[in-house]
Amino acid sequence: MAGVVLRTINECNHLKIIPVISSFDSKGNIVLLYIRVDGESMKIYNPFLVESTYERLTYQCDVLNWNRVKSIKLSYHIEKHVWSLVAG
């Protein structure tokens, strides 16, 4: 059985590339502030780094969406300089 080689991150159907507003603290750590999904801006709360590899940083965090708190995982793809979340 042959495998399929994906050439770009945009070919990954399980990921949704999204814009993220972030900053850095005085130690150089990423501080996540806002995301935009399907035109909707959401504030990020309680970000926590759950995985760090040479390819990707993954954060577990909460967002406020229509007065409801939702838990999400955001990933920063270091070489591609893009943020994604699992589509769904």
N, C-alpha and C. Protein backbone atom coordinates (compact mmCIF):
# COMPACT_ATOMS: atom_id res chain seq x y z
N MET A 1 0.85 -1.17 0.00
CA MET A 1 0.00 0.00 0.00
C MET A 1 0.90 1.24 0.00
N ALA A 2 0.73 2.08 -0.96
CA ALA A 2 1.55 3.29 -1.09
C ALA A 2 0.96 4.42 -0.25
N GLY A 3 1.84 5.24 0.30
CA GLY A 3 1.41 6.40 1.07
C GLY A 3 1.36 7.64 0.20
N VAL A 4 0.70 8.66 0.68
CA VAL A 4 0.60 9.93 -0.02
C VAL A 4 1.50 10.93 0.70
N VAL A 5 2.37 11.58 -0.06
CA VAL A 5 3.25 12.58 0.51
C VAL A 5 2.62 13.96 0.31
N LEU A 6 2.39 14.66 1.43
CA LEU A 6 1.83 16.00 1.35
C LEU A 6 2.97 16.99 1.21
N ARG A 7 2.84 17.91 0.26
CA ARG A 7 3.90 18.85 -0.01
C ARG A 7 3.79 20.14 0.80
N THR A 8 2.58 20.51 1.17
CA THR A 8 2.39 21.74 1.95
C THR A 8 1.43 21.48 3.10
N ILE A 9 1.53 22.32 4.09
CA ILE A 9 0.63 22.21 5.24
C ILE A 9 -0.83 22.47 4.84
N ASN A 10 -1.03 23.25 3.79
CA ASN A 10 -2.38 23.55 3.32
C ASN A 10 -3.08 22.32 2.75
N GLU A 11 -2.34 21.26 2.44
CA GLU A 11 -2.92 20.03 1.92
C GLU A 11 -3.46 19.13 3.04
N CYS A 12 -3.17 19.47 4.29
CA CYS A 12 -3.65 18.68 5.43
C CYS A 12 -5.10 19.03 5.72
N ASN A 13 -6.01 18.16 5.35
CA ASN A 13 -7.44 18.44 5.52
C ASN A 13 -7.87 18.51 6.97
N HIS A 14 -7.13 17.91 7.87
CA HIS A 14 -7.50 17.91 9.29
C HIS A 14 -7.06 19.18 10.02
N LEU A 15 -6.30 20.05 9.34
CA LEU A 15 -5.85 21.30 9.94
C LEU A 15 -6.50 22.50 9.29
N LYS A 16 -6.76 23.51 10.08
CA LYS A 16 -7.30 24.77 9.57
C LYS A 16 -6.27 25.85 9.90
N ILE A 17 -5.72 26.48 8.88
CA ILE A 17 -4.75 27.56 9.06
C ILE A 17 -5.54 28.80 9.48
N ILE A 18 -5.12 29.42 10.58
CA ILE A 18 -5.85 30.57 11.10
C ILE A 18 -4.89 31.69 11.48
N PRO A 19 -5.36 32.94 11.46
CA PRO A 19 -4.54 34.05 11.97
C PRO A 19 -4.60 34.09 13.50
N VAL A 20 -3.45 34.36 14.10
CA VAL A 20 -3.33 34.46 15.55
C VAL A 20 -2.59 35.76 15.87
N ILE A 21 -3.09 36.49 16.84
CA ILE A 21 -2.37 37.66 17.35
C ILE A 21 -1.66 37.22 18.62
N SER A 22 -0.36 37.40 18.62
CA SER A 22 0.43 37.01 19.79
C SER A 22 1.51 38.05 20.05
N SER A 23 2.14 37.92 21.18
CA SER A 23 3.22 38.83 21.57
C SER A 23 4.28 37.97 22.25
N PHE A 24 5.28 38.62 22.82
CA PHE A 24 6.33 37.92 23.56
C PHE A 24 6.51 38.59 24.91
N ASP A 25 6.79 37.77 25.93
CA ASP A 25 7.10 38.36 27.23
C ASP A 25 8.60 38.69 27.28
N SER A 26 9.07 39.19 28.42
CA SER A 26 10.47 39.62 28.55
C SER A 26 11.46 38.46 28.46
N LYS A 27 10.98 37.22 28.59
CA LYS A 27 11.85 36.05 28.48
C LYS A 27 11.82 35.42 27.10
N GLY A 28 11.05 36.01 26.18
CA GLY A 28 10.96 35.49 24.82
C GLY A 28 9.88 34.45 24.62
N ASN A 29 9.06 34.19 25.62
CA ASN A 29 7.96 33.23 25.50
C ASN A 29 6.81 33.83 24.71
N ILE A 30 6.13 33.00 23.93
CA ILE A 30 4.97 33.45 23.16
C ILE A 30 3.80 33.67 24.11
N VAL A 31 3.12 34.81 23.95
CA VAL A 31 1.93 35.13 24.70
C VAL A 31 0.78 35.21 23.69
N LEU A 32 -0.13 34.24 23.74
CA LEU A 32 -1.25 34.19 22.80
C LEU A 32 -2.34 35.15 23.24
N LEU A 33 -2.89 35.93 22.29
CA LEU A 33 -3.89 36.94 22.63
C LEU A 33 -5.24 36.68 21.97
N TYR A 34 -5.28 36.57 20.64
CA TYR A 34 -6.54 36.41 19.91
C TYR A 34 -6.36 35.47 18.72
N ILE A 35 -7.45 34.81 18.33
CA ILE A 35 -7.50 34.06 17.08
C ILE A 35 -8.70 34.55 16.28
N ARG A 36 -8.68 34.26 14.99
CA ARG A 36 -9.83 34.55 14.13
C ARG A 36 -10.15 33.27 13.37
N VAL A 37 -11.40 32.80 13.56
CA VAL A 37 -11.87 31.59 12.90
C VAL A 37 -13.16 31.92 12.17
N ASP A 38 -13.17 31.67 10.88
CA ASP A 38 -14.35 31.94 10.04
C ASP A 38 -14.87 33.36 10.24
N GLY A 39 -13.96 34.33 10.30
CA GLY A 39 -14.33 35.73 10.43
C GLY A 39 -14.67 36.17 11.84
N GLU A 40 -14.65 35.25 12.78
CA GLU A 40 -15.01 35.56 14.17
C GLU A 40 -13.75 35.67 15.02
N SER A 41 -13.58 36.83 15.69
CA SER A 41 -12.44 37.04 16.56
C SER A 41 -12.74 36.53 17.96
N MET A 42 -11.77 35.80 18.55
CA MET A 42 -11.96 35.23 19.88
C MET A 42 -10.73 35.48 20.75
N LYS A 43 -10.95 35.89 21.98
CA LYS A 43 -9.87 36.12 22.92
C LYS A 43 -9.40 34.78 23.49
N ILE A 44 -8.07 34.65 23.65
CA ILE A 44 -7.47 33.43 24.18
C ILE A 44 -7.23 33.59 25.68
N TYR A 45 -7.61 32.55 26.44
CA TYR A 45 -7.41 32.52 27.89
C TYR A 45 -6.63 31.25 28.26
N ASN A 46 -5.84 31.34 29.30
CA ASN A 46 -5.16 30.19 29.90
C ASN A 46 -4.33 29.36 28.92
N PRO A 47 -3.50 29.98 28.07
CA PRO A 47 -2.68 29.16 27.16
C PRO A 47 -1.63 28.37 27.94
N PHE A 48 -1.44 27.13 27.55
CA PHE A 48 -0.48 26.24 28.21
C PHE A 48 0.23 25.41 27.14
N LEU A 49 1.55 25.50 27.10
CA LEU A 49 2.34 24.74 26.13
C LEU A 49 2.29 23.26 26.50
N VAL A 50 1.73 22.42 25.61
CA VAL A 50 1.59 21.00 25.90
C VAL A 50 2.57 20.13 25.11
N GLU A 51 3.12 20.67 24.02
CA GLU A 51 4.06 19.90 23.22
C GLU A 51 5.02 20.85 22.52
N SER A 52 6.29 20.51 22.53
CA SER A 52 7.31 21.32 21.87
C SER A 52 8.27 20.40 21.14
N THR A 53 8.30 20.51 19.81
CA THR A 53 9.25 19.76 18.99
C THR A 53 10.00 20.75 18.12
N TYR A 54 10.95 20.28 17.35
CA TYR A 54 11.67 21.20 16.47
C TYR A 54 10.79 21.67 15.32
N GLU A 55 9.67 21.00 15.06
CA GLU A 55 8.76 21.38 13.98
C GLU A 55 7.58 22.23 14.44
N ARG A 56 7.14 22.01 15.71
CA ARG A 56 5.86 22.58 16.10
C ARG A 56 5.79 22.84 17.61
N LEU A 57 5.06 23.91 17.96
CA LEU A 57 4.70 24.20 19.34
C LEU A 57 3.18 24.06 19.43
N THR A 58 2.70 23.29 20.39
CA THR A 58 1.26 23.09 20.53
C THR A 58 0.80 23.59 21.90
N TYR A 59 -0.25 24.39 21.88
CA TYR A 59 -0.81 25.00 23.08
C TYR A 59 -2.23 24.53 23.29
N GLN A 60 -2.57 24.23 24.53
CA GLN A 60 -3.96 23.99 24.94
C GLN A 60 -4.44 25.31 25.53
N CYS A 61 -5.59 25.80 25.11
CA CYS A 61 -6.09 27.06 25.65
C CYS A 61 -7.61 27.11 25.55
N ASP A 62 -8.16 28.13 26.17
CA ASP A 62 -9.59 28.38 26.12
C ASP A 62 -9.84 29.64 25.31
N VAL A 63 -10.98 29.67 24.62
CA VAL A 63 -11.41 30.87 23.91
C VAL A 63 -12.83 31.19 24.32
N LEU A 64 -13.16 32.45 24.26
CA LEU A 64 -14.53 32.89 24.56
C LEU A 64 -15.22 33.14 23.24
N ASN A 65 -16.28 32.36 22.97
CA ASN A 65 -17.01 32.44 21.72
C ASN A 65 -18.50 32.50 22.03
N TRP A 66 -19.11 33.65 21.75
CA TRP A 66 -20.54 33.85 22.02
C TRP A 66 -20.87 33.53 23.47
N ASN A 67 -20.09 34.08 24.39
CA ASN A 67 -20.29 33.91 25.83
C ASN A 67 -20.16 32.47 26.31
N ARG A 68 -19.48 31.63 25.51
CA ARG A 68 -19.23 30.25 25.91
C ARG A 68 -17.73 30.01 25.86
N VAL A 69 -17.21 29.34 26.86
CA VAL A 69 -15.79 29.00 26.89
C VAL A 69 -15.60 27.66 26.18
N LYS A 70 -14.64 27.65 25.27
CA LYS A 70 -14.38 26.46 24.46
C LYS A 70 -12.90 26.13 24.58
N SER A 71 -12.54 24.87 24.75
CA SER A 71 -11.16 24.43 24.85
C SER A 71 -10.67 24.04 23.45
N ILE A 72 -9.48 24.55 23.07
CA ILE A 72 -8.92 24.26 21.76
C ILE A 72 -7.44 23.96 21.88
N LYS A 73 -6.87 23.37 20.82
CA LYS A 73 -5.44 23.19 20.70
C LYS A 73 -4.97 23.98 19.48
N LEU A 74 -4.00 24.85 19.71
CA LEU A 74 -3.38 25.63 18.64
C LEU A 74 -1.97 25.14 18.43
N SER A 75 -1.56 25.05 17.18
CA SER A 75 -0.19 24.66 16.87
C SER A 75 0.49 25.72 16.03
N TYR A 76 1.73 26.02 16.39
CA TYR A 76 2.57 26.92 15.60
C TYR A 76 3.58 26.08 14.85
N HIS A 77 3.56 26.15 13.53
CA HIS A 77 4.46 25.38 12.68
C HIS A 77 5.68 26.25 12.41
N ILE A 78 6.78 25.91 13.06
CA ILE A 78 7.96 26.77 13.12
C ILE A 78 8.54 27.08 11.75
N GLU A 79 8.75 26.09 10.91
CA GLU A 79 9.35 26.34 9.59
C GLU A 79 8.41 27.08 8.65
N LYS A 80 7.13 26.85 8.77
CA LYS A 80 6.13 27.47 7.87
C LYS A 80 5.65 28.82 8.37
N HIS A 81 5.89 29.13 9.65
CA HIS A 81 5.45 30.39 10.27
C HIS A 81 3.93 30.57 10.16
N VAL A 82 3.18 29.49 10.43
CA VAL A 82 1.72 29.56 10.42
C VAL A 82 1.16 28.90 11.67
N TRP A 83 -0.03 29.33 12.05
CA TRP A 83 -0.78 28.74 13.16
C TRP A 83 -1.91 27.89 12.60
N SER A 84 -2.22 26.80 13.29
CA SER A 84 -3.33 25.96 12.87
C SER A 84 -4.09 25.43 14.08
N LEU A 85 -5.31 25.00 13.81
CA LEU A 85 -6.06 24.24 14.79
C LEU A 85 -6.70 23.08 14.06
N VAL A 86 -7.03 22.05 14.80
CA VAL A 86 -7.64 20.88 14.19
C VAL A 86 -9.02 21.25 13.69
N ALA A 87 -9.28 21.02 12.40
CA ALA A 87 -10.56 21.37 11.80
C ALA A 87 -11.65 20.46 12.35
N GLY A 88 -12.83 21.02 12.44
CA GLY A 88 -13.90 20.16 12.91
C GLY A 88 -15.11 20.86 13.35
